[in-house]
Amino acid sequence: MSKKSKLKKQLKKANKEVAKQKKKAKKALKLVKAYKKEKVKKKAIKKVSKLAKAQKLEVKKAVKKATKAKKAFKKVA
């Protein structure tokens, strides 16, 4: 396997991860909104919003990884 195809595979994987994490974050945000609408206990809302924030962080990490993979691929390509 050449370095180029290896990097291309990495890039594809990184992009997939970004999409997956974004989907999760969207779900978490929806949950927060739903909880607020239903006037669920503040504690529950806090827990869910914390989860949503953590998910946002995961998205950032995934995007960072994808960007890194993209740069590495461009160097070789």
Protein backbone atom coordinates (compact mmCIF):
# COMPACT_ATOMS: atom_id res chain seq x y z
CA MET A 1 0.00 0.00 0.00
CA SER A 2 1.43 3.33 -1.02
CA LYS A 3 1.61 6.24 1.38
CA LYS A 4 -0.92 8.14 -0.71
CA SER A 5 -3.60 5.46 -0.56
CA LYS A 6 -2.94 4.98 3.14
CA LEU A 7 -3.47 8.68 3.76
CA LYS A 8 -6.56 8.69 1.57
CA LYS A 9 -8.00 5.89 3.70
CA GLN A 10 -7.18 7.87 6.86
CA LEU A 11 -8.87 10.95 5.44
CA LYS A 12 -11.99 8.98 4.57
CA LYS A 13 -12.10 7.50 8.07
CA ALA A 14 -11.62 10.93 9.67
CA ASN A 15 -14.41 12.45 7.60
CA LYS A 16 -16.73 9.59 8.53
CA GLU A 17 -15.92 10.20 12.20
CA VAL A 18 -16.75 13.91 11.81
CA ALA A 19 -20.14 13.06 10.32
CA LYS A 20 -20.84 10.54 13.08
CA GLN A 21 -19.93 12.98 15.85
CA LYS A 22 -21.97 15.79 14.29
CA LYS A 23 -24.98 13.48 14.17
CA LYS A 24 -24.51 12.64 17.85
CA ALA A 25 -24.17 16.32 18.78
CA LYS A 26 -27.36 17.16 16.90
CA LYS A 27 -29.18 14.42 18.80
CA ALA A 28 -27.87 15.74 22.11
CA LEU A 29 -28.97 19.29 21.31
CA LYS A 30 -32.42 18.06 20.32
CA LEU A 31 -32.64 16.31 23.66
CA VAL A 32 -31.76 19.52 25.51
CA LYS A 33 -34.45 21.44 23.61
CA ALA A 34 -37.03 18.74 24.25
CA TYR A 35 -36.17 18.67 27.94
CA LYS A 36 -36.54 22.43 28.23
CA LYS A 37 -39.87 22.32 26.41
CA GLU A 38 -41.19 19.62 28.71
CA LYS A 39 -39.94 21.56 31.75
CA VAL A 40 -38.01 18.61 33.08
CA LYS A 41 -36.18 19.02 36.39
CA LYS A 42 -33.21 21.37 36.19
CA LYS A 43 -30.84 18.62 37.26
CA ALA A 44 -31.82 16.50 34.26
CA ILE A 45 -31.44 19.45 31.91
CA LYS A 46 -27.99 20.19 33.33
CA LYS A 47 -26.95 16.58 32.80
CA VAL A 48 -28.18 16.57 29.22
CA SER A 49 -26.64 19.92 28.33
CA LYS A 50 -23.36 18.73 29.79
CA LEU A 51 -23.65 15.73 27.49
CA ALA A 52 -24.33 18.04 24.55
CA LYS A 53 -21.27 20.13 25.37
CA ALA A 54 -19.11 17.03 25.59
CA GLN A 55 -20.48 15.95 22.24
CA LYS A 56 -19.58 19.31 20.72
CA LEU A 57 -16.04 18.79 21.97
CA GLU A 58 -15.95 15.39 20.27
CA VAL A 59 -17.00 17.06 17.02
CA LYS A 60 -14.15 19.54 17.39
CA LYS A 61 -11.68 16.71 17.98
CA ALA A 62 -12.95 14.79 14.97
CA VAL A 63 -12.76 17.88 12.76
CA LYS A 64 -9.20 18.52 13.94
CA LYS A 65 -8.23 14.96 13.06
CA ALA A 66 -9.85 15.25 9.63
CA THR A 67 -8.05 18.51 8.94
CA LYS A 68 -4.75 16.94 9.93
CA ALA A 69 -5.40 13.97 7.63
CA LYS A 70 -6.36 16.32 4.80
CA LYS A 71 -3.14 18.32 5.16
CA ALA A 72 -1.04 15.15 5.23
CA PHE A 73 -2.81 13.89 2.12
CA LYS A 74 -2.29 17.17 0.27
CA LYS A 75 1.43 17.06 1.05
CA VAL A 76 1.75 13.67 -0.62
CA ALA A 77 -0.72 14.25 -3.45
